[in-house]
Amino acid sequence: MIGKLLDALFGCRHPRYSFPVTVRHSKRRPQAAMLTGTYVVCLECGREFAYDWQEMQVITSPERHRERLAELAKHAA
């Protein structure tokens, strides 16, 4: 229980992740892959994170990622 509280406050700070995994449409997607269809796993704690292939980076804040996509779409129009 204390671990969940600390994780909610500070999140995963580990530097090592798995290679990005892209989930096919016919398979059940992990929660982390719902945003982009691709995710990585922390090799230290096992936590899953969404991954953006265009930016080639781990998405730690889905809300901030959505805002950035909306901002880019606005500039493209």
PDB file of N, CA and C in Angstrom:
ATOM      1  N   MET A   1       0.823  -1.197   0.000  1.00  0.00           N
ATOM      2  CA  MET A   1       0.000   0.000   0.000  1.00  0.00           C
ATOM      3  C   MET A   1       0.870   1.264   0.000  1.00  0.00           C
ATOM      4  N   ILE A   2       1.915   1.252   0.783  1.00  0.00           N
ATOM      5  CA  ILE A   2       2.812   2.402   0.818  1.00  0.00           C
ATOM      6  C   ILE A   2       3.514   2.546  -0.524  1.00  0.00           C
ATOM      7  N   GLY A   3       3.857   1.416  -1.145  1.00  0.00           N
ATOM      8  CA  GLY A   3       4.498   1.444  -2.460  1.00  0.00           C
ATOM      9  C   GLY A   3       3.613   2.101  -3.504  1.00  0.00           C
ATOM     10  N   LYS A   4       2.308   1.817  -3.464  1.00  0.00           N
ATOM     11  CA  LYS A   4       1.374   2.425  -4.418  1.00  0.00           C
ATOM     12  C   LYS A   4       1.271   3.926  -4.195  1.00  0.00           C
ATOM     13  N   LEU A   5       1.288   4.351  -2.952  1.00  0.00           N
ATOM     14  CA  LEU A   5       1.227   5.775  -2.632  1.00  0.00           C
ATOM     15  C   LEU A   5       2.481   6.494  -3.138  1.00  0.00           C
ATOM     16  N   LEU A   6       3.649   5.921  -2.899  1.00  0.00           N
ATOM     17  CA  LEU A   6       4.886   6.529  -3.379  1.00  0.00           C
ATOM     18  C   LEU A   6       4.936   6.547  -4.897  1.00  0.00           C
ATOM     19  N   ASP A   7       4.441   5.483  -5.524  1.00  0.00           N
ATOM     20  CA  ASP A   7       4.411   5.436  -6.981  1.00  0.00           C
ATOM     21  C   ASP A   7       3.475   6.500  -7.543  1.00  0.00           C
ATOM     22  N   ALA A   8       2.354   6.727  -6.893  1.00  0.00           N
ATOM     23  CA  ALA A   8       1.416   7.759  -7.343  1.00  0.00           C
ATOM     24  C   ALA A   8       2.022   9.155  -7.199  1.00  0.00           C
ATOM     25  N   LEU A   9       2.817   9.360  -6.151  1.00  0.00           N
ATOM     26  CA  LEU A   9       3.428  10.670  -5.925  1.00  0.00           C
ATOM     27  C   LEU A   9       4.637  10.911  -6.815  1.00  0.00           C
ATOM     28  N   PHE A  10       5.506   9.922  -6.954  1.00  0.00           N
ATOM     29  CA  PHE A  10       6.773  10.125  -7.639  1.00  0.00           C
ATOM     30  C   PHE A  10       6.891   9.381  -8.963  1.00  0.00           C
ATOM     31  N   GLY A  11       6.136   8.329  -9.156  1.00  0.00           N
ATOM     32  CA  GLY A  11       6.197   7.564 -10.400  1.00  0.00           C
ATOM     33  C   GLY A  11       7.479   6.767 -10.517  1.00  0.00           C
ATOM     34  N   CYS A  12       7.676   6.195 -11.663  1.00  0.00           N
ATOM     35  CA  CYS A  12       8.862   5.380 -11.941  1.00  0.00           C
ATOM     36  C   CYS A  12       9.995   6.297 -12.396  1.00  0.00           C
ATOM     37  N   ARG A  13      11.130   6.198 -11.769  1.00  0.00           N
ATOM     38  CA  ARG A  13      12.293   7.023 -12.129  1.00  0.00           C
ATOM     39  C   ARG A  13      13.426   6.165 -12.681  1.00  0.00           C
ATOM     40  N   HIS A  14      13.140   4.940 -13.016  1.00  0.00           N
ATOM     41  CA  HIS A  14      14.169   4.045 -13.523  1.00  0.00           C
ATOM     42  C   HIS A  14      14.533   4.407 -14.964  1.00  0.00           C
ATOM     43  N   PRO A  15      15.805   4.295 -15.334  1.00  0.00           N
ATOM     44  CA  PRO A  15      16.245   4.726 -16.671  1.00  0.00           C
ATOM     45  C   PRO A  15      16.205   3.651 -17.751  1.00  0.00           C
ATOM     46  N   ARG A  16      15.936   2.390 -17.401  1.00  0.00           N
ATOM     47  CA  ARG A  16      16.032   1.310 -18.385  1.00  0.00           C
ATOM     48  C   ARG A  16      14.649   0.797 -18.772  1.00  0.00           C
ATOM     49  N   TYR A  17      14.378   0.798 -20.090  1.00  0.00           N
ATOM     50  CA  TYR A  17      13.099   0.335 -20.619  1.00  0.00           C
ATOM     51  C   TYR A  17      13.319  -0.752 -21.648  1.00  0.00           C
ATOM     52  N   SER A  18      12.283  -1.542 -21.885  1.00  0.00           N
ATOM     53  CA  SER A  18      12.330  -2.550 -22.939  1.00  0.00           C
ATOM     54  C   SER A  18      12.266  -1.875 -24.303  1.00  0.00           C
ATOM     55  N   PHE A  19      12.474  -2.655 -25.354  1.00  0.00           N
ATOM     56  CA  PHE A  19      12.293  -2.142 -26.703  1.00  0.00           C
ATOM     57  C   PHE A  19      10.803  -1.884 -26.909  1.00  0.00           C
ATOM     58  N   PRO A  20      10.415  -0.847 -27.634  1.00  0.00           N
ATOM     59  CA  PRO A  20       8.984  -0.565 -27.845  1.00  0.00           C
ATOM     60  C   PRO A  20       8.253  -1.737 -28.510  1.00  0.00           C
ATOM     61  N   VAL A  21       7.066  -2.023 -27.999  1.00  0.00           N
ATOM     62  CA  VAL A  21       6.222  -3.111 -28.500  1.00  0.00           C
ATOM     63  C   VAL A  21       4.964  -2.496 -29.098  1.00  0.00           C
ATOM     64  N   THR A  22       4.667  -2.795 -30.353  1.00  0.00           N
ATOM     65  CA  THR A  22       3.448  -2.326 -31.000  1.00  0.00           C
ATOM     66  C   THR A  22       2.454  -3.474 -31.015  1.00  0.00           C
ATOM     67  N   VAL A  23       1.253  -3.206 -30.521  1.00  0.00           N
ATOM     68  CA  VAL A  23       0.220  -4.229 -30.396  1.00  0.00           C
ATOM     69  C   VAL A  23      -0.635  -4.254 -31.652  1.00  0.00           C
ATOM     70  N   ARG A  24      -0.883  -5.439 -32.170  1.00  0.00           N
ATOM     71  CA  ARG A  24      -1.757  -5.561 -33.341  1.00  0.00           C
ATOM     72  C   ARG A  24      -3.199  -5.298 -32.930  1.00  0.00           C
ATOM     73  N   HIS A  25      -4.009  -4.932 -33.904  1.00  0.00           N
ATOM     74  CA  HIS A  25      -5.395  -4.551 -33.615  1.00  0.00           C
ATOM     75  C   HIS A  25      -6.230  -5.706 -33.090  1.00  0.00           C
ATOM     76  N   SER A  26      -5.913  -6.933 -33.493  1.00  0.00           N
ATOM     77  CA  SER A  26      -6.742  -8.058 -33.105  1.00  0.00           C
ATOM     78  C   SER A  26      -6.469  -8.521 -31.678  1.00  0.00           C
ATOM     79  N   LYS A  27      -5.352  -8.115 -31.096  1.00  0.00           N
ATOM     80  CA  LYS A  27      -5.011  -8.540 -29.748  1.00  0.00           C
ATOM     81  C   LYS A  27      -5.505  -7.533 -28.722  1.00  0.00           C
ATOM     82  N   ARG A  28      -5.661  -8.015 -27.507  1.00  0.00           N
ATOM     83  CA  ARG A  28      -6.053  -7.145 -26.401  1.00  0.00           C
ATOM     84  C   ARG A  28      -4.879  -6.223 -26.066  1.00  0.00           C
ATOM     85  N   ARG A  29      -5.135  -4.939 -25.940  1.00  0.00           N
ATOM     86  CA  ARG A  29      -4.080  -3.960 -25.680  1.00  0.00           C
ATOM     87  C   ARG A  29      -3.920  -3.719 -24.180  1.00  0.00           C
ATOM     88  N   PRO A  30      -2.681  -3.612 -23.725  1.00  0.00           N
ATOM     89  CA  PRO A  30      -2.460  -3.165 -22.350  1.00  0.00           C
ATOM     90  C   PRO A  30      -2.907  -1.709 -22.217  1.00  0.00           C
ATOM     91  N   GLN A  31      -3.166  -1.280 -21.010  1.00  0.00           N
ATOM     92  CA  GLN A  31      -3.631   0.083 -20.768  1.00  0.00           C
ATOM     93  C   GLN A  31      -2.634   1.113 -21.314  1.00  0.00           C
ATOM     94  N   ALA A  32      -1.347   0.839 -21.190  1.00  0.00           N
ATOM     95  CA  ALA A  32      -0.328   1.778 -21.664  1.00  0.00           C
ATOM     96  C   ALA A  32      -0.362   1.947 -23.177  1.00  0.00           C
ATOM     97  N   ALA A  33      -0.815   0.939 -23.904  1.00  0.00           N
ATOM     98  CA  ALA A  33      -0.831   1.006 -25.369  1.00  0.00           C
ATOM     99  C   ALA A  33      -2.100   1.633 -25.919  1.00  0.00           C
ATOM    100  N   MET A  34      -3.036   1.992 -25.087  1.00  0.00           N
ATOM    101  CA  MET A  34      -4.298   2.580 -25.556  1.00  0.00           C
ATOM    102  C   MET A  34      -4.086   3.930 -26.239  1.00  0.00           C
ATOM    103  N   LEU A  35      -3.109   4.689 -25.803  1.00  0.00           N
ATOM    104  CA  LEU A  35      -2.894   6.037 -26.328  1.00  0.00           C
ATOM    105  C   LEU A  35      -2.258   6.026 -27.723  1.00  0.00           C
ATOM    106  N   THR A  36      -1.208   5.249 -27.902  1.00  0.00           N
ATOM    107  CA  THR A  36      -0.486   5.272 -29.176  1.00  0.00           C
ATOM    108  C   THR A  36      -0.437   3.926 -29.879  1.00  0.00           C
ATOM    109  N   GLY A  37      -0.801   2.844 -29.199  1.00  0.00           N
ATOM    110  CA  GLY A  37      -0.699   1.510 -29.782  1.00  0.00           C
ATOM    111  C   GLY A  37       0.648   0.871 -29.539  1.00  0.00           C
ATOM    112  N   THR A  38       1.576   1.628 -28.963  1.00  0.00           N
ATOM    113  CA  THR A  38       2.930   1.137 -28.671  1.00  0.00           C
ATOM    114  C   THR A  38       3.250   1.436 -27.212  1.00  0.00           C
ATOM    115  N   TYR A  39       3.965   0.505 -26.568  1.00  0.00           N
ATOM    116  CA  TYR A  39       4.338   0.728 -25.178  1.00  0.00           C
ATOM    117  C   TYR A  39       5.708   0.139 -24.890  1.00  0.00           C
ATOM    118  N   VAL A  40       6.303   0.567 -23.775  1.00  0.00           N
ATOM    119  CA  VAL A  40       7.558   0.030 -23.271  1.00  0.00           C
ATOM    120  C   VAL A  40       7.326  -0.380 -21.824  1.00  0.00           C
ATOM    121  N   VAL A  41       8.218  -1.229 -21.311  1.00  0.00           N
ATOM    122  CA  VAL A  41       8.112  -1.698 -19.931  1.00  0.00           C
ATOM    123  C   VAL A  41       9.396  -1.341 -19.199  1.00  0.00           C
ATOM    124  N   CYS A  42       9.265  -0.818 -17.989  1.00  0.00           N
ATOM    125  CA  CYS A  42      10.428  -0.525 -17.155  1.00  0.00           C
ATOM    126  C   CYS A  42      11.055  -1.858 -16.754  1.00  0.00           C
ATOM    127  N   LEU A  43      12.345  -2.008 -16.975  1.00  0.00           N
ATOM    128  CA  LEU A  43      13.032  -3.257 -16.654  1.00  0.00           C
ATOM    129  C   LEU A  43      13.322  -3.410 -15.173  1.00  0.00           C
ATOM    130  N   GLU A  44      13.134  -2.351 -14.404  1.00  0.00           N
ATOM    131  CA  GLU A  44      13.369  -2.415 -12.962  1.00  0.00           C
ATOM    132  C   GLU A  44      12.103  -2.786 -12.185  1.00  0.00           C
ATOM    133  N   CYS A  45      10.984  -2.100 -12.500  1.00  0.00           N
ATOM    134  CA  CYS A  45       9.773  -2.308 -11.702  1.00  0.00           C
ATOM    135  C   CYS A  45       8.624  -2.949 -12.475  1.00  0.00           C
ATOM    136  N   GLY A  46       8.731  -3.050 -13.806  1.00  0.00           N
ATOM    137  CA  GLY A  46       7.691  -3.700 -14.587  1.00  0.00           C
ATOM    138  C   GLY A  46       6.534  -2.804 -14.995  1.00  0.00           C
ATOM    139  N   ARG A  47       6.616  -1.534 -14.695  1.00  0.00           N
ATOM    140  CA  ARG A  47       5.538  -0.609 -15.053  1.00  0.00           C
ATOM    141  C   ARG A  47       5.534  -0.350 -16.562  1.00  0.00           C
ATOM    142  N   GLU A  48       4.344  -0.252 -17.151  1.00  0.00           N
ATOM    143  CA  GLU A  48       4.201  -0.031 -18.588  1.00  0.00           C
ATOM    144  C   GLU A  48       3.922   1.441 -18.877  1.00  0.00           C
ATOM    145  N   PHE A  49       4.524   1.946 -19.980  1.00  0.00           N
ATOM    146  CA  PHE A  49       4.349   3.329 -20.397  1.00  0.00           C
ATOM    147  C   PHE A  49       4.053   3.377 -21.885  1.00  0.00           C
ATOM    148  N   ALA A  50       3.224   4.316 -22.279  1.00  0.00           N
ATOM    149  CA  ALA A  50       2.973   4.537 -23.702  1.00  0.00           C
ATOM    150  C   ALA A  50       4.252   5.064 -24.342  1.00  0.00           C
ATOM    151  N   TYR A  51       4.428   4.777 -25.635  1.00  0.00           N
ATOM    152  CA  TYR A  51       5.631   5.204 -26.353  1.00  0.00           C
ATOM    153  C   TYR A  51       5.216   5.851 -27.662  1.00  0.00           C
ATOM    154  N   ASP A  52       5.823   6.982 -27.992  1.00  0.00           N
ATOM    155  CA  ASP A  52       5.519   7.708 -29.215  1.00  0.00           C
ATOM    156  C   ASP A  52       6.653   7.492 -30.211  1.00  0.00           C
ATOM    157  N   TRP A  53       6.365   6.801 -31.324  1.00  0.00           N
ATOM    158  CA  TRP A  53       7.385   6.518 -32.338  1.00  0.00           C
ATOM    159  C   TRP A  53       7.826   7.780 -33.068  1.00  0.00           C
ATOM    160  N   GLN A  54       6.935   8.759 -33.276  1.00  0.00           N
ATOM    161  CA  GLN A  54       7.317   9.987 -33.984  1.00  0.00           C
ATOM    162  C   GLN A  54       8.343  10.785 -33.175  1.00  0.00           C
ATOM    163  N   GLU A  55       8.107  10.908 -31.897  1.00  0.00           N
ATOM    164  CA  GLU A  55       9.013  11.650 -31.025  1.00  0.00           C
ATOM    165  C   GLU A  55      10.134  10.763 -30.478  1.00  0.00           C
ATOM    166  N   MET A  56       9.964   9.454 -30.598  1.00  0.00           N
ATOM    167  CA  MET A  56      10.900   8.461 -30.075  1.00  0.00           C
ATOM    168  C   MET A  56      11.181   8.689 -28.597  1.00  0.00           C
ATOM    169  N   GLN A  57      10.091   8.768 -27.818  1.00  0.00           N
ATOM    170  CA  GLN A  57      10.239   8.957 -26.384  1.00  0.00           C
ATOM    171  C   GLN A  57       9.088   8.323 -25.630  1.00  0.00           C
ATOM    172  N   VAL A  58       9.342   8.056 -24.363  1.00  0.00           N
ATOM    173  CA  VAL A  58       8.337   7.489 -23.468  1.00  0.00           C
ATOM    174  C   VAL A  58       7.375   8.592 -23.071  1.00  0.00           C
ATOM    175  N   ILE A  59       6.093   8.272 -23.057  1.00  0.00           N
ATOM    176  CA  ILE A  59       5.071   9.235 -22.651  1.00  0.00           C
ATOM    177  C   ILE A  59       4.747   8.976 -21.186  1.00  0.00           C
ATOM    178  N   THR A  60       5.181   9.871 -20.319  1.00  0.00           N
ATOM    179  CA  THR A  60       4.933   9.701 -18.894  1.00  0.00           C
ATOM    180  C   THR A  60       3.661  10.417 -18.457  1.00  0.00           C
ATOM    181  N   SER A  61       3.205  11.390 -19.240  1.00  0.00           N
ATOM    182  CA  SER A  61       1.989  12.130 -18.915  1.00  0.00           C
ATOM    183  C   SER A  61       1.060  12.128 -20.130  1.00  0.00           C
ATOM    184  N   PRO A  62       0.059  11.244 -20.154  1.00  0.00           N
ATOM    185  CA  PRO A  62      -0.861  11.190 -21.298  1.00  0.00           C
ATOM    186  C   PRO A  62      -1.594  12.509 -21.549  1.00  0.00           C
ATOM    187  N   GLU A  63      -1.924  13.244 -20.488  1.00  0.00           N
ATOM    188  CA  GLU A  63      -2.643  14.503 -20.655  1.00  0.00           C
ATOM    189  C   GLU A  63      -1.768  15.509 -21.405  1.00  0.00           C
ATOM    190  N   ARG A  64      -0.508  15.598 -21.018  1.00  0.00           N
ATOM    191  CA  ARG A  64       0.408  16.521 -21.672  1.00  0.00           C
ATOM    192  C   ARG A  64       0.625  16.117 -23.126  1.00  0.00           C
ATOM    193  N   HIS A  65       0.660  14.818 -23.401  1.00  0.00           N
ATOM    194  CA  HIS A  65       0.837  14.328 -24.776  1.00  0.00           C
ATOM    195  C   HIS A  65      -0.363  14.702 -25.643  1.00  0.00           C
ATOM    196  N   ARG A  66      -1.575  14.548 -25.113  1.00  0.00           N
ATOM    197  CA  ARG A  66      -2.786  14.927 -25.860  1.00  0.00           C
ATOM    198  C   ARG A  66      -2.800  16.416 -26.159  1.00  0.00           C
ATOM    199  N   GLU A  67      -2.410  17.233 -25.175  1.00  0.00           N
ATOM    200  CA  GLU A  67      -2.354  18.685 -25.380  1.00  0.00           C
ATOM    201  C   GLU A  67      -1.355  19.036 -26.477  1.00  0.00           C
ATOM    202  N   ARG A  68      -0.213  18.382 -26.483  1.00  0.00           N
ATOM    203  CA  ARG A  68       0.806  18.641 -27.485  1.00  0.00           C
ATOM    204  C   ARG A  68       0.344  18.255 -28.875  1.00  0.00           C
ATOM    205  N   LEU A  69      -0.364  17.120 -28.987  1.00  0.00           N
ATOM    206  CA  LEU A  69      -0.905  16.705 -30.277  1.00  0.00           C
ATOM    207  C   LEU A  69      -1.936  17.703 -30.793  1.00  0.00           C
ATOM    208  N   ALA A  70      -2.787  18.192 -29.900  1.00  0.00           N
ATOM    209  CA  ALA A  70      -3.789  19.181 -30.289  1.00  0.00           C
ATOM    210  C   ALA A  70      -3.108  20.475 -30.751  1.00  0.00           C
ATOM    211  N   GLU A  71      -2.047  20.856 -30.059  1.00  0.00           N
ATOM    212  CA  GLU A  71      -1.301  22.066 -30.428  1.00  0.00           C
ATOM    213  C   GLU A  71      -0.636  21.897 -31.791  1.00  0.00           C
ATOM    214  N   LEU A  72      -0.052  20.740 -32.052  1.00  0.00           N
ATOM    215  CA  LEU A  72       0.566  20.482 -33.350  1.00  0.00           C
ATOM    216  C   LEU A  72      -0.472  20.460 -34.476  1.00  0.00           C
ATOM    217  N   ALA A  73      -1.636  19.910 -34.201  1.00  0.00           N
ATOM    218  CA  ALA A  73      -2.706  19.870 -35.215  1.00  0.00           C
ATOM    219  C   ALA A  73      -3.186  21.291 -35.534  1.00  0.00           C
ATOM    220  N   LYS A  74      -3.220  22.139 -34.515  1.00  0.00           N
ATOM    221  CA  LYS A  74      -3.634  23.526 -34.719  1.00  0.00           C
ATOM    222  C   LYS A  74      -2.645  24.269 -35.607  1.00  0.00           C
ATOM    223  N   HIS A  75      -1.360  24.040 -35.394  1.00  0.00           N
ATOM    224  CA  HIS A  75      -0.322  24.697 -36.204  1.00  0.00           C
ATOM    225  C   HIS A  75      -0.282  24.161 -37.629  1.00  0.00           C
ATOM    226  N   ALA A  76      -0.627  22.899 -37.794  1.00  0.00           N
ATOM    227  CA  ALA A  76      -0.611  22.286 -39.139  1.00  0.00           C
ATOM    228  C   ALA A  76      -1.774  22.786 -40.007  1.00  0.00           C
ATOM    229  N   ALA A  77      -2.855  23.172 -39.351  1.00  0.00           N
ATOM    230  CA  ALA A  77      -4.046  23.621 -40.105  1.00  0.00           C
ATOM    231  C   ALA A  77      -3.933  25.039 -40.606  1.00  0.00           C
TER     232      ALA A  77
END
